[in-house]
Amino acid sequence: MDERTMTQPESAPAMNSHRIAWLEEAYRLLRYELLPEAPARITIVFGFPSKGARDSRNKRIGEYAHAFVKGTGDQVENTGLISLHPSIFNNPSRVLDVLLHEMIHAAVPEAGHRGPFRKLALRCGLTGKMTATVATKTLLSKFESFLKDRLPPMPPGYGDLTSRRKKQTTRMLKYTCPGCGQIIRAANDNLYCLCGNCDELYLPD
């Protein structure tokens, strides 16, 4: 069997788990190949940004939150949180592009889009306006190689959310920050997460 072949899951919860597993594998590969400064461990979710989730002209497609807590009791773990907008999952290269951008935030969380962020972004092969970077042709070529030879096929994801949406049938749970209204979704029904904007604990809807 081709070791890159990933068995397609039969249920929606399993598909969500496979997508997250794919993102975690992609994170490890990008960290190894391009950005060793990124944290060794991080949490990645599908989610909607605190601002611009439905703005088709200026939609945020990725966000990083530095203060993130999950687990309870002796199992509490502090990690960063990368949230990727579901609408990009019909383009694996774009997913890697946005993921790398957010990984740079995780590597230099206090920098915003200035100084150290810009330096790492240019070194990795991101270009354009630093608040909305895109991959150079050289970096896109690397992504294509990663997708062909180093990563399994991306499991089916959410498509373009600008069209009329069907009723959600997955078990992805919605969590909302009571302070600013930011929304994230996760398959975990026991999620403890602090909002990076206002330090409020996300609450399940």
Protein backbone atom coordinates (compact mmCIF):
# COMPACT_ATOMS: atom_id res chain seq x y z
CA MET A 1 0.00 0.00 0.00
CA ASP A 2 1.19 3.52 -0.82
CA GLU A 3 2.21 4.98 2.52
CA ARG A 4 0.78 8.32 1.40
CA THR A 5 -2.69 6.84 0.97
CA MET A 6 -5.11 7.90 3.67
CA THR A 7 -8.26 5.82 4.03
CA GLN A 8 -11.26 8.04 3.54
CA PRO A 9 -13.33 8.16 6.73
CA GLU A 10 -16.97 7.18 6.58
CA SER A 11 -18.43 9.51 9.19
CA ALA A 12 -18.33 13.28 9.57
CA PRO A 13 -16.59 13.22 12.99
CA ALA A 14 -13.92 10.91 11.56
CA MET A 15 -13.43 13.27 8.59
CA ASN A 16 -12.90 16.18 10.97
CA SER A 17 -10.31 14.17 12.92
CA HIS A 18 -8.49 13.28 9.70
CA ARG A 19 -8.42 16.89 8.58
CA ILE A 20 -6.90 17.98 11.88
CA ALA A 21 -4.37 15.12 11.70
CA TRP A 22 -3.44 16.29 8.19
CA LEU A 23 -2.92 19.84 9.42
CA GLU A 24 -0.77 18.65 12.31
CA GLU A 25 1.38 16.64 9.91
CA ALA A 26 1.65 19.65 7.60
CA TYR A 27 2.67 21.80 10.57
CA ARG A 28 5.47 19.40 11.49
CA LEU A 29 6.71 19.31 7.89
CA LEU A 30 6.69 23.10 7.47
CA ARG A 31 8.45 23.50 10.80
CA TYR A 32 11.15 20.99 9.84
CA GLU A 33 11.70 22.31 6.33
CA LEU A 34 11.09 26.05 6.63
CA LEU A 35 10.52 27.37 10.14
CA PRO A 36 12.32 25.61 13.02
CA GLU A 37 11.59 28.68 15.17
CA ALA A 38 7.91 27.68 15.40
CA PRO A 39 6.79 25.94 18.63
CA ALA A 40 7.21 22.18 18.69
CA ARG A 41 3.58 21.75 19.75
CA ILE A 42 0.52 23.78 18.86
CA THR A 43 -3.25 23.40 18.57
CA ILE A 44 -4.88 23.78 15.15
CA VAL A 45 -8.63 24.10 14.59
CA PHE A 46 -11.15 25.06 11.93
CA GLY A 47 -12.61 28.36 13.00
CA PHE A 48 -13.99 31.73 12.14
CA PRO A 49 -11.99 34.88 12.93
CA SER A 50 -12.90 37.51 15.47
CA LYS A 51 -13.46 40.03 12.67
CA GLY A 52 -14.30 39.76 8.99
CA ALA A 53 -15.64 36.20 8.99
CA ARG A 54 -18.36 37.08 6.48
CA ASP A 55 -16.65 39.95 4.67
CA SER A 56 -16.02 38.62 1.16
CA ARG A 57 -13.75 41.56 0.31
CA ASN A 58 -11.47 41.43 3.34
CA LYS A 59 -12.02 38.02 4.87
CA ARG A 60 -9.58 36.83 7.49
CA ILE A 61 -8.62 33.28 6.58
CA GLY A 62 -6.29 32.58 9.47
CA GLU A 63 -5.64 33.70 13.03
CA TYR A 64 -3.18 32.95 15.80
CA ALA A 65 -3.96 33.16 19.52
CA HIS A 66 -0.98 33.00 21.88
CA ALA A 67 -2.93 32.34 25.09
CA PHE A 68 -4.64 28.98 24.78
CA VAL A 69 -5.42 26.52 27.55
CA LYS A 70 -6.91 23.05 27.11
CA GLY A 71 -7.55 20.13 29.41
CA THR A 72 -8.47 19.98 33.09
CA GLY A 73 -6.75 19.24 36.38
CA ASP A 74 -3.34 17.68 35.96
CA GLN A 75 -3.88 17.49 32.20
CA VAL A 76 -3.89 21.26 31.61
CA GLU A 77 -1.69 22.24 28.68
CA ASN A 78 -0.75 25.70 27.45
CA THR A 79 -0.15 26.02 23.72
CA GLY A 80 -0.73 28.48 20.93
CA LEU A 81 -3.84 28.16 18.78
CA ILE A 82 -3.96 28.44 14.99
CA SER A 83 -7.44 28.83 13.52
CA LEU A 84 -7.93 28.39 9.77
CA HIS A 85 -11.05 29.50 7.91
CA PRO A 86 -12.87 26.50 6.37
CA SER A 87 -13.30 28.25 3.01
CA ILE A 88 -9.63 27.71 2.05
CA PHE A 89 -9.79 23.92 2.27
CA ASN A 90 -10.52 23.47 -1.43
CA ASN A 91 -6.93 24.58 -2.16
CA PRO A 92 -4.22 22.58 -0.31
CA SER A 93 -1.41 24.93 -1.40
CA ARG A 94 -3.33 27.88 0.02
CA VAL A 95 -3.84 25.98 3.26
CA LEU A 96 -0.06 25.52 3.57
CA ASP A 97 0.46 29.18 2.68
CA VAL A 98 -1.90 30.45 5.39
CA LEU A 99 -0.69 27.88 7.91
CA LEU A 100 2.90 29.04 7.42
CA HIS A 101 1.84 32.67 7.95
CA GLU A 102 0.21 31.78 11.26
CA MET A 103 3.22 29.65 12.26
CA ILE A 104 5.39 32.75 11.95
CA HIS A 105 3.06 34.53 14.37
CA ALA A 106 3.55 31.58 16.73
CA ALA A 107 7.33 31.87 16.36
CA VAL A 108 7.36 35.63 17.14
CA PRO A 109 4.04 36.28 18.94
CA GLU A 110 4.91 39.78 20.11
CA ALA A 111 6.00 41.08 16.69
CA GLY A 112 2.64 41.57 15.01
CA HIS A 113 3.42 41.92 11.30
CA ARG A 114 6.53 44.01 11.85
CA GLY A 115 10.30 43.46 12.11
CA PRO A 116 10.92 39.82 13.13
CA PHE A 117 7.71 38.65 11.45
CA ARG A 118 8.64 40.26 8.15
CA LYS A 119 12.17 38.86 8.31
CA LEU A 120 10.94 35.30 8.82
CA ALA A 121 8.17 35.66 6.23
CA LEU A 122 10.59 36.78 3.52
CA ARG A 123 13.07 34.07 4.46
CA CYS A 124 10.38 31.39 4.17
CA GLY A 125 9.21 32.64 0.78
CA LEU A 126 6.14 34.69 1.64
CA THR A 127 5.70 38.01 -0.10
CA GLY A 128 3.27 40.89 -0.52
CA LYS A 129 1.61 42.91 2.22
CA MET A 130 2.63 41.37 5.53
CA THR A 131 -0.94 41.34 6.83
CA ALA A 132 -2.01 39.27 3.82
CA THR A 133 1.02 37.40 2.53
CA VAL A 134 1.08 35.05 -0.44
CA ALA A 135 3.59 32.41 -1.45
CA THR A 136 6.24 33.19 -4.04
CA LYS A 137 6.56 30.92 -7.09
CA THR A 138 9.53 29.23 -5.42
CA LEU A 139 7.55 28.52 -2.26
CA LEU A 140 4.54 27.30 -4.27
CA SER A 141 6.86 24.88 -6.01
CA LYS A 142 7.98 23.56 -2.62
CA PHE A 143 4.36 23.21 -1.53
CA GLU A 144 3.57 21.21 -4.67
CA SER A 145 6.50 18.91 -3.90
CA PHE A 146 5.34 18.50 -0.29
CA LEU A 147 1.79 17.71 -1.42
CA LYS A 148 3.01 15.21 -4.00
CA ASP A 149 5.72 13.39 -2.05
CA ARG A 150 5.63 14.25 1.65
CA LEU A 151 1.99 14.61 2.68
CA PRO A 152 -0.98 12.26 2.29
CA PRO A 153 -3.93 13.49 0.20
CA MET A 154 -5.90 16.14 2.04
CA PRO A 155 -9.14 14.68 3.43
CA PRO A 156 -12.35 16.30 2.16
CA GLY A 157 -12.86 19.67 3.78
CA TYR A 158 -15.30 22.52 3.82
CA GLY A 159 -15.69 24.33 0.51
CA ASP A 160 -16.54 27.88 -0.44
CA LEU A 161 -18.75 29.28 2.30
CA THR A 162 -19.87 32.27 0.22
CA SER A 163 -22.54 30.13 -1.42
CA ARG A 164 -25.73 29.06 0.32
CA ARG A 165 -24.79 26.68 3.10
CA LYS A 166 -26.55 23.42 3.80
CA LYS A 167 -27.54 22.56 7.31
CA GLN A 168 -24.47 21.41 9.22
CA THR A 169 -24.48 17.68 9.82
CA THR A 170 -21.04 17.25 11.40
CA ARG A 171 -20.28 17.02 15.09
CA MET A 172 -17.91 19.98 15.08
CA LEU A 173 -18.85 21.95 18.19
CA LYS A 174 -19.15 25.72 18.23
CA TYR A 175 -17.45 27.77 20.96
CA THR A 176 -17.95 31.52 21.35
CA CYS A 177 -15.95 34.08 23.32
CA PRO A 178 -18.40 35.97 25.59
CA GLY A 179 -16.17 39.03 25.44
CA CYS A 180 -15.67 39.71 21.74
CA GLY A 181 -17.84 37.12 20.03
CA GLN A 182 -15.00 35.29 18.27
CA ILE A 183 -16.08 31.80 17.17
CA ILE A 184 -14.04 28.63 16.88
CA ARG A 185 -15.09 25.07 16.12
CA ALA A 186 -13.54 21.90 17.46
CA ALA A 187 -14.33 18.21 17.58
CA ASN A 188 -13.43 18.17 21.28
CA ASP A 189 -16.47 18.40 23.58
CA ASN A 190 -14.27 19.21 26.58
CA LEU A 191 -12.35 22.21 25.24
CA TYR A 192 -10.88 24.85 27.57
CA CYS A 193 -9.61 27.75 25.52
CA LEU A 194 -8.79 31.38 26.34
CA CYS A 195 -9.51 34.02 23.70
CA GLY A 196 -6.33 35.71 22.50
CA ASN A 197 -8.15 39.05 22.22
CA CYS A 198 -9.70 39.44 25.66
CA ASP A 199 -8.58 36.44 27.78
CA GLU A 200 -12.17 35.22 28.23
CA LEU A 201 -12.86 31.48 28.31
CA TYR A 202 -14.64 30.22 25.18
CA LEU A 203 -18.08 28.83 25.98
CA PRO A 204 -19.89 26.08 24.05
CA ASP A 205 -23.07 27.10 22.27
